[in-house]
Amino acid sequence: MLLGGGNGAAAGTRPSDAGGALKRCWLRPFATLDVMACEVINVDGGVFVLWGRPTHVGLDRVVERVEQVASATGGPIVFVARVPQAAPAPDGAVRTHLNQLMPRFARLCSSYHAVLEGGGFMSAIKRAIMAGLFQFGFRSGTFFVHESDRSVLSKTDGIDRARAQALLALAAAKGLLTAGPPRDSLGPR
């Protein structure tokens, strides 16, 4: 990235030091700048999140959106979180923050659907562990763990089903049901 100007070098090229004093400054791109840990969309009464690398900031942003949508709706909402198989697990500090947020979050959801993608034994174990961990924080019949988004509607009814249908249709239209995890940093990997 070039900043400054004036020595006649073309943009994007290294300026020469013909006069002994460079008039441009070379900076390295930030390799760990948190840009987007998740993609968040909503409809009336529902929020969908496509997770990349979970972060403290990302969790806060999701809870704020859920609070806004629940407030605008006038009550609890449908929440769908899609975690592609390639998405990294949260680190210990982020898991701790998630545990702190869950009571606040659980009050806002009439139906919570975690879509942990992937086949095979390890993916099934991850879904079982997640289901066991979060069952205690939610009212009975509100927290569900799925292998794919196709099974979400089978666990909803009434207004929640209509909201989930609208939410999944919007996510599909935006390519969020088939996309990989969002990139969460700039620069080389």
C-alpha atoms as a PDB file:
ATOM      1  CA  MET A   1       0.000   0.000   0.000  1.00  0.00           C
ATOM      2  CA  LEU A   2       1.388   3.411  -0.924  1.00  0.00           C
ATOM      3  CA  LEU A   3       0.804   6.600   0.975  1.00  0.00           C
ATOM      4  CA  GLY A   4       2.011  10.077   0.160  1.00  0.00           C
ATOM      5  CA  GLY A   5       2.932  11.041  -3.361  1.00  0.00           C
ATOM      6  CA  GLY A   6       4.817  13.236  -5.635  1.00  0.00           C
ATOM      7  CA  ASN A   7       7.991  11.547  -6.893  1.00  0.00           C
ATOM      8  CA  GLY A   8       6.522  10.477 -10.189  1.00  0.00           C
ATOM      9  CA  ALA A   9       6.364   6.719  -9.516  1.00  0.00           C
ATOM     10  CA  ALA A  10       3.271   5.034 -10.834  1.00  0.00           C
ATOM     11  CA  ALA A  11       0.691   3.999  -8.278  1.00  0.00           C
ATOM     12  CA  GLY A  12       1.432   0.536  -6.953  1.00  0.00           C
ATOM     13  CA  THR A  13       5.131   0.623  -7.880  1.00  0.00           C
ATOM     14  CA  ARG A  14       8.075   1.086  -5.572  1.00  0.00           C
ATOM     15  CA  PRO A  15       9.285   4.687  -5.856  1.00  0.00           C
ATOM     16  CA  SER A  16      12.924   5.259  -6.638  1.00  0.00           C
ATOM     17  CA  ASP A  17      15.215   6.998  -4.212  1.00  0.00           C
ATOM     18  CA  ALA A  18      16.962   8.993  -6.936  1.00  0.00           C
ATOM     19  CA  GLY A  19      17.034  12.197  -4.924  1.00  0.00           C
ATOM     20  CA  GLY A  20      17.938  10.527  -1.650  1.00  0.00           C
ATOM     21  CA  ALA A  21      14.590  11.237   0.005  1.00  0.00           C
ATOM     22  CA  LEU A  22      11.600   8.998  -0.602  1.00  0.00           C
ATOM     23  CA  LYS A  23       8.339  10.839  -0.860  1.00  0.00           C
ATOM     24  CA  ARG A  24       6.197   7.732  -0.411  1.00  0.00           C
ATOM     25  CA  CYS A  25       5.895   5.380   2.476  1.00  0.00           C
ATOM     26  CA  TRP A  26       5.448   1.612   2.139  1.00  0.00           C
ATOM     27  CA  LEU A  27       3.176  -0.038   4.702  1.00  0.00           C
ATOM     28  CA  ARG A  28       2.478  -3.719   5.197  1.00  0.00           C
ATOM     29  CA  PRO A  29      -1.191  -4.721   5.128  1.00  0.00           C
ATOM     30  CA  PHE A  30      -2.623  -5.656   8.506  1.00  0.00           C
ATOM     31  CA  ALA A  31      -2.672  -9.443   8.580  1.00  0.00           C
ATOM     32  CA  THR A  32      -4.966  -9.827  11.598  1.00  0.00           C
ATOM     33  CA  LEU A  33      -7.441  -6.980  11.194  1.00  0.00           C
ATOM     34  CA  ASP A  34     -10.886  -8.366  12.186  1.00  0.00           C
ATOM     35  CA  VAL A  35     -13.163  -7.529   9.289  1.00  0.00           C
ATOM     36  CA  MET A  36     -16.077  -9.927   9.385  1.00  0.00           C
ATOM     37  CA  ALA A  37     -16.344 -12.929  11.660  1.00  0.00           C
ATOM     38  CA  CYS A  38     -19.847 -13.585  10.422  1.00  0.00           C
ATOM     39  CA  GLU A  39     -22.524 -12.589   7.933  1.00  0.00           C
ATOM     40  CA  VAL A  40     -25.786 -11.541   9.592  1.00  0.00           C
ATOM     41  CA  ILE A  41     -29.154 -11.063   7.884  1.00  0.00           C
ATOM     42  CA  ASN A  42     -32.659 -10.733   9.239  1.00  0.00           C
ATOM     43  CA  VAL A  43     -36.327 -10.724   8.365  1.00  0.00           C
ATOM     44  CA  ASP A  44     -39.246  -9.676  10.524  1.00  0.00           C
ATOM     45  CA  GLY A  45     -39.023 -12.062  13.472  1.00  0.00           C
ATOM     46  CA  GLY A  46     -35.853 -13.884  12.467  1.00  0.00           C
ATOM     47  CA  VAL A  47     -32.046 -13.634  12.337  1.00  0.00           C
ATOM     48  CA  PHE A  48     -29.634 -15.805  10.323  1.00  0.00           C
ATOM     49  CA  VAL A  49     -25.878 -15.936  10.905  1.00  0.00           C
ATOM     50  CA  LEU A  50     -23.209 -17.559   8.756  1.00  0.00           C
ATOM     51  CA  TRP A  51     -20.219 -18.006  11.066  1.00  0.00           C
ATOM     52  CA  GLY A  52     -16.568 -17.790  10.165  1.00  0.00           C
ATOM     53  CA  ARG A  53     -14.068 -17.587  13.041  1.00  0.00           C
ATOM     54  CA  PRO A  54     -16.162 -16.635  16.096  1.00  0.00           C
ATOM     55  CA  THR A  55     -14.899 -13.502  17.852  1.00  0.00           C
ATOM     56  CA  HIS A  56     -15.898 -11.457  20.885  1.00  0.00           C
ATOM     57  CA  VAL A  57     -16.918  -8.565  18.587  1.00  0.00           C
ATOM     58  CA  GLY A  58     -18.850 -10.905  16.288  1.00  0.00           C
ATOM     59  CA  LEU A  59     -20.843 -12.380  19.180  1.00  0.00           C
ATOM     60  CA  ASP A  60     -21.668  -8.910  20.480  1.00  0.00           C
ATOM     61  CA  ARG A  61     -22.804  -7.817  17.008  1.00  0.00           C
ATOM     62  CA  VAL A  62     -25.065 -10.873  16.660  1.00  0.00           C
ATOM     63  CA  VAL A  63     -26.672 -10.384  20.081  1.00  0.00           C
ATOM     64  CA  GLU A  64     -27.264  -6.697  19.326  1.00  0.00           C
ATOM     65  CA  ARG A  65     -28.979  -7.613  16.039  1.00  0.00           C
ATOM     66  CA  VAL A  66     -31.113 -10.257  17.767  1.00  0.00           C
ATOM     67  CA  GLU A  67     -32.133  -7.665  20.388  1.00  0.00           C
ATOM     68  CA  GLN A  68     -33.040  -5.139  17.666  1.00  0.00           C
ATOM     69  CA  VAL A  69     -35.120  -7.641  15.697  1.00  0.00           C
ATOM     70  CA  ALA A  70     -36.857  -8.974  18.841  1.00  0.00           C
ATOM     71  CA  SER A  71     -37.657  -5.415  19.924  1.00  0.00           C
ATOM     72  CA  ALA A  72     -39.049  -4.521  16.493  1.00  0.00           C
ATOM     73  CA  THR A  73     -41.032  -7.791  16.402  1.00  0.00           C
ATOM     74  CA  GLY A  74     -42.362  -7.324  19.923  1.00  0.00           C
ATOM     75  CA  GLY A  75     -41.242 -10.712  21.207  1.00  0.00           C
ATOM     76  CA  PRO A  76     -38.963 -13.711  20.789  1.00  0.00           C
ATOM     77  CA  ILE A  77     -37.604 -14.552  17.346  1.00  0.00           C
ATOM     78  CA  VAL A  78     -36.345 -17.482  15.277  1.00  0.00           C
ATOM     79  CA  PHE A  79     -32.549 -17.706  15.156  1.00  0.00           C
ATOM     80  CA  VAL A  80     -30.572 -19.829  12.689  1.00  0.00           C
ATOM     81  CA  ALA A  81     -26.789 -20.094  12.923  1.00  0.00           C
ATOM     82  CA  ARG A  82     -25.014 -21.929  10.084  1.00  0.00           C
ATOM     83  CA  VAL A  83     -21.502 -23.184  10.805  1.00  0.00           C
ATOM     84  CA  PRO A  84     -19.810 -24.600   7.690  1.00  0.00           C
ATOM     85  CA  GLN A  85     -17.650 -27.658   8.254  1.00  0.00           C
ATOM     86  CA  ALA A  86     -14.513 -25.608   7.433  1.00  0.00           C
ATOM     87  CA  ALA A  87     -15.268 -22.930  10.050  1.00  0.00           C
ATOM     88  CA  PRO A  88     -12.776 -22.887  12.930  1.00  0.00           C
ATOM     89  CA  ALA A  89     -13.928 -23.469  16.495  1.00  0.00           C
ATOM     90  CA  PRO A  90     -14.007 -20.521  18.892  1.00  0.00           C
ATOM     91  CA  ASP A  91     -11.052 -20.108  21.210  1.00  0.00           C
ATOM     92  CA  GLY A  92     -11.418 -20.351  24.990  1.00  0.00           C
ATOM     93  CA  ALA A  93     -11.997 -16.624  25.587  1.00  0.00           C
ATOM     94  CA  VAL A  94     -14.723 -16.515  22.932  1.00  0.00           C
ATOM     95  CA  ARG A  95     -16.412 -19.629  24.392  1.00  0.00           C
ATOM     96  CA  THR A  96     -16.398 -17.955  27.812  1.00  0.00           C
ATOM     97  CA  HIS A  97     -17.959 -14.811  26.335  1.00  0.00           C
ATOM     98  CA  LEU A  98     -20.584 -16.931  24.551  1.00  0.00           C
ATOM     99  CA  ASN A  99     -21.486 -18.625  27.839  1.00  0.00           C
ATOM    100  CA  GLN A 100     -21.905 -15.194  29.449  1.00  0.00           C
ATOM    101  CA  LEU A 101     -24.190 -14.022  26.624  1.00  0.00           C
ATOM    102  CA  MET A 102     -26.405 -17.124  26.461  1.00  0.00           C
ATOM    103  CA  PRO A 103     -28.922 -16.228  29.221  1.00  0.00           C
ATOM    104  CA  ARG A 104     -29.545 -12.852  27.570  1.00  0.00           C
ATOM    105  CA  PHE A 105     -29.701 -14.491  24.151  1.00  0.00           C
ATOM    106  CA  ALA A 106     -31.987 -17.367  25.196  1.00  0.00           C
ATOM    107  CA  ARG A 107     -34.686 -14.943  26.398  1.00  0.00           C
ATOM    108  CA  LEU A 108     -34.838 -13.456  22.890  1.00  0.00           C
ATOM    109  CA  CYS A 109     -35.342 -16.702  20.932  1.00  0.00           C
ATOM    110  CA  SER A 110     -38.550 -18.653  20.481  1.00  0.00           C
ATOM    111  CA  SER A 111     -36.573 -21.143  18.400  1.00  0.00           C
ATOM    112  CA  TYR A 112     -32.770 -21.512  18.055  1.00  0.00           C
ATOM    113  CA  HIS A 113     -31.293 -23.642  15.276  1.00  0.00           C
ATOM    114  CA  ALA A 114     -27.572 -24.417  15.100  1.00  0.00           C
ATOM    115  CA  VAL A 115     -26.684 -25.918  11.728  1.00  0.00           C
ATOM    116  CA  LEU A 116     -23.339 -27.679  12.238  1.00  0.00           C
ATOM    117  CA  GLU A 117     -22.507 -29.017   8.814  1.00  0.00           C
ATOM    118  CA  GLY A 118     -20.530 -32.089   7.979  1.00  0.00           C
ATOM    119  CA  GLY A 119     -21.003 -35.803   7.793  1.00  0.00           C
ATOM    120  CA  GLY A 120     -19.197 -38.550   9.575  1.00  0.00           C
ATOM    121  CA  PHE A 121     -18.508 -39.489  13.137  1.00  0.00           C
ATOM    122  CA  MET A 122     -16.637 -36.341  14.267  1.00  0.00           C
ATOM    123  CA  SER A 123     -19.325 -33.996  12.965  1.00  0.00           C
ATOM    124  CA  ALA A 124     -22.007 -36.072  14.684  1.00  0.00           C
ATOM    125  CA  ILE A 125     -20.048 -35.929  17.957  1.00  0.00           C
ATOM    126  CA  LYS A 126     -19.764 -32.109  17.678  1.00  0.00           C
ATOM    127  CA  ARG A 127     -23.528 -31.824  17.170  1.00  0.00           C
ATOM    128  CA  ALA A 128     -24.232 -34.111  20.135  1.00  0.00           C
ATOM    129  CA  ILE A 129     -21.905 -32.153  22.417  1.00  0.00           C
ATOM    130  CA  MET A 130     -23.408 -28.833  21.365  1.00  0.00           C
ATOM    131  CA  ALA A 131     -26.960 -30.107  21.870  1.00  0.00           C
ATOM    132  CA  GLY A 132     -26.048 -31.343  25.339  1.00  0.00           C
ATOM    133  CA  LEU A 133     -24.301 -28.133  26.371  1.00  0.00           C
ATOM    134  CA  PHE A 134     -27.000 -25.733  25.282  1.00  0.00           C
ATOM    135  CA  GLN A 135     -30.115 -27.686  26.316  1.00  0.00           C
ATOM    136  CA  PHE A 136     -29.716 -26.330  29.836  1.00  0.00           C
ATOM    137  CA  GLY A 137     -29.745 -22.685  28.768  1.00  0.00           C
ATOM    138  CA  PHE A 138     -32.937 -22.848  26.707  1.00  0.00           C
ATOM    139  CA  ARG A 139     -36.569 -23.681  27.420  1.00  0.00           C
ATOM    140  CA  SER A 140     -37.475 -27.224  26.428  1.00  0.00           C
ATOM    141  CA  GLY A 141     -38.183 -27.565  22.713  1.00  0.00           C
ATOM    142  CA  THR A 142     -36.457 -24.341  21.640  1.00  0.00           C
ATOM    143  CA  PHE A 143     -32.843 -25.379  20.931  1.00  0.00           C
ATOM    144  CA  PHE A 144     -32.076 -27.661  17.994  1.00  0.00           C
ATOM    145  CA  VAL A 145     -28.867 -28.819  16.328  1.00  0.00           C
ATOM    146  CA  HIS A 146     -29.020 -29.811  12.658  1.00  0.00           C
ATOM    147  CA  GLU A 147     -26.692 -31.361  10.079  1.00  0.00           C
ATOM    148  CA  SER A 148     -28.130 -29.136   7.316  1.00  0.00           C
ATOM    149  CA  ASP A 149     -30.528 -26.239   6.862  1.00  0.00           C
ATOM    150  CA  ARG A 150     -33.061 -28.603   5.253  1.00  0.00           C
ATOM    151  CA  SER A 151     -34.134 -29.948   8.643  1.00  0.00           C
ATOM    152  CA  VAL A 152     -34.772 -26.568  10.301  1.00  0.00           C
ATOM    153  CA  LEU A 153     -38.388 -26.279   9.150  1.00  0.00           C
ATOM    154  CA  SER A 154     -39.246 -29.703  10.588  1.00  0.00           C
ATOM    155  CA  LYS A 155     -38.591 -28.290  14.067  1.00  0.00           C
ATOM    156  CA  THR A 156     -40.757 -25.181  13.674  1.00  0.00           C
ATOM    157  CA  ASP A 157     -44.470 -24.559  13.449  1.00  0.00           C
ATOM    158  CA  GLY A 158     -46.941 -21.690  13.306  1.00  0.00           C
ATOM    159  CA  ILE A 159     -45.441 -18.217  13.074  1.00  0.00           C
ATOM    160  CA  ASP A 160     -41.937 -19.585  13.695  1.00  0.00           C
ATOM    161  CA  ARG A 161     -42.227 -21.753  10.578  1.00  0.00           C
ATOM    162  CA  ALA A 162     -43.248 -18.777   8.437  1.00  0.00           C
ATOM    163  CA  ARG A 163     -40.369 -16.738   9.858  1.00  0.00           C
ATOM    164  CA  ALA A 164     -37.886 -19.578   9.338  1.00  0.00           C
ATOM    165  CA  GLN A 165     -39.087 -20.043   5.738  1.00  0.00           C
ATOM    166  CA  ALA A 166     -38.622 -16.334   4.995  1.00  0.00           C
ATOM    167  CA  LEU A 167     -35.227 -16.323   6.705  1.00  0.00           C
ATOM    168  CA  LEU A 168     -33.939 -19.387   4.843  1.00  0.00           C
ATOM    169  CA  ALA A 169     -35.281 -18.048   1.525  1.00  0.00           C
ATOM    170  CA  LEU A 170     -33.367 -14.785   2.044  1.00  0.00           C
ATOM    171  CA  ALA A 171     -30.223 -16.679   3.079  1.00  0.00           C
ATOM    172  CA  ALA A 172     -30.504 -18.853  -0.055  1.00  0.00           C
ATOM    173  CA  ALA A 173     -31.002 -15.802  -2.279  1.00  0.00           C
ATOM    174  CA  LYS A 174     -27.828 -14.269  -0.830  1.00  0.00           C
ATOM    175  CA  GLY A 175     -25.859 -17.510  -1.252  1.00  0.00           C
ATOM    176  CA  LEU A 176     -25.388 -17.938   2.507  1.00  0.00           C
ATOM    177  CA  LEU A 177     -26.674 -21.529   2.576  1.00  0.00           C
ATOM    178  CA  THR A 178     -23.882 -22.739   0.309  1.00  0.00           C
ATOM    179  CA  ALA A 179     -21.050 -20.279   1.031  1.00  0.00           C
ATOM    180  CA  GLY A 180     -17.974 -21.247   2.972  1.00  0.00           C
ATOM    181  CA  PRO A 181     -17.106 -19.460   6.202  1.00  0.00           C
ATOM    182  CA  PRO A 182     -16.642 -15.704   5.802  1.00  0.00           C
ATOM    183  CA  ARG A 183     -13.040 -14.523   5.735  1.00  0.00           C
ATOM    184  CA  ASP A 184     -12.291 -12.909   9.036  1.00  0.00           C
ATOM    185  CA  SER A 185      -9.029 -11.189   8.204  1.00  0.00           C
ATOM    186  CA  LEU A 186      -7.250  -9.321   5.463  1.00  0.00           C
ATOM    187  CA  GLY A 187      -3.873 -10.074   4.084  1.00  0.00           C
ATOM    188  CA  PRO A 188      -2.040 -13.248   3.268  1.00  0.00           C
ATOM    189  CA  ARG A 189      -3.083 -16.529   4.825  1.00  0.00           C
END
